[in-house]
């Protein structure tokens, strides 16, 4: 098997490669943050809906008990 060819980067290509890798990492972090924030929002809305539903049911039962 022949030895692998070594590709040497110039300073310009090294800078471009570093910027591309930085962009990839930033995009990944933005996606993770977005998914986390949407999960928090869904949990908040779901909790509010359950709380409102339980409150209305309990208020209805209290009104029915008075009748």
Protein backbone atom coordinates (compact mmCIF):
# COMPACT_ATOMS: atom_id res chain seq x y z
CA UNK A 1 0.00 0.00 0.00
CA UNK A 2 1.52 3.35 -0.99
CA UNK A 3 1.97 5.99 1.70
CA UNK A 4 -0.78 8.58 2.06
CA UNK A 5 -0.21 11.87 0.36
CA UNK A 6 0.22 14.74 2.81
CA UNK A 7 -1.69 17.87 1.86
CA UNK A 8 -0.20 21.00 3.34
CA UNK A 9 -2.47 23.96 3.89
CA UNK A 10 -1.47 27.52 3.26
CA UNK A 11 -2.36 30.11 5.91
CA UNK A 12 -5.23 31.35 3.75
CA UNK A 13 -6.81 27.92 3.38
CA UNK A 14 -6.31 27.25 7.09
CA UNK A 15 -8.23 30.43 7.93
CA UNK A 16 -11.05 29.52 5.54
CA UNK A 17 -11.24 25.99 6.94
CA UNK A 18 -11.35 27.33 10.51
CA UNK A 19 -14.16 29.75 9.61
CA UNK A 20 -16.18 26.97 7.99
CA UNK A 21 -15.77 24.75 11.06
CA UNK A 22 -16.74 27.66 13.33
CA UNK A 23 -19.90 28.24 11.27
CA UNK A 24 -20.80 24.55 11.47
CA UNK A 25 -20.44 24.57 15.25
CA UNK A 26 -22.46 27.79 15.56
CA UNK A 27 -25.28 26.39 13.45
CA UNK A 28 -25.35 23.23 15.56
CA UNK A 29 -25.48 25.25 18.78
CA UNK A 30 -28.27 27.46 17.41
CA UNK A 31 -30.28 24.34 16.56
CA UNK A 32 -29.78 22.89 20.04
CA UNK A 33 -30.79 26.18 21.70
CA UNK A 34 -33.84 26.48 19.46
CA UNK A 35 -34.97 22.95 20.27
CA UNK A 36 -34.46 23.56 24.00
CA UNK A 37 -36.41 26.83 23.91
CA UNK A 38 -39.28 25.29 21.96
CA UNK A 39 -39.45 22.44 24.48
CA UNK A 40 -39.67 24.92 27.34
CA UNK A 41 -42.41 26.86 25.56
CA UNK A 42 -44.45 23.73 24.83
CA UNK A 43 -44.14 22.68 28.46
CA UNK A 44 -45.30 26.09 29.64
CA UNK A 45 -48.32 26.13 27.31
CA UNK A 46 -49.24 22.55 28.22
CA UNK A 47 -49.01 23.36 31.93
CA UNK A 48 -51.19 26.44 31.51
CA UNK A 49 -53.81 24.43 29.58
CA UNK A 50 -53.91 21.68 32.20
CA UNK A 51 -54.12 24.23 35.01
CA UNK A 52 -56.95 26.11 33.31
CA UNK A 53 -58.86 22.88 32.62
CA UNK A 54 -58.52 21.65 36.22
CA UNK A 55 -59.54 25.07 37.58
CA UNK A 56 -62.67 25.15 35.42
CA UNK A 57 -63.60 21.59 36.40
CA UNK A 58 -63.18 22.35 40.10
CA UNK A 59 -65.14 25.61 39.77
CA UNK A 60 -67.89 23.73 37.93
CA UNK A 61 -68.05 21.09 40.66
CA UNK A 62 -68.26 23.78 43.30
CA UNK A 63 -71.11 25.50 41.45
CA UNK A 64 -72.90 22.15 41.07
CA UNK A 65 -72.54 21.51 44.81
CA UNK A 66 -74.26 24.83 45.59
CA UNK A 67 -77.29 23.95 43.42
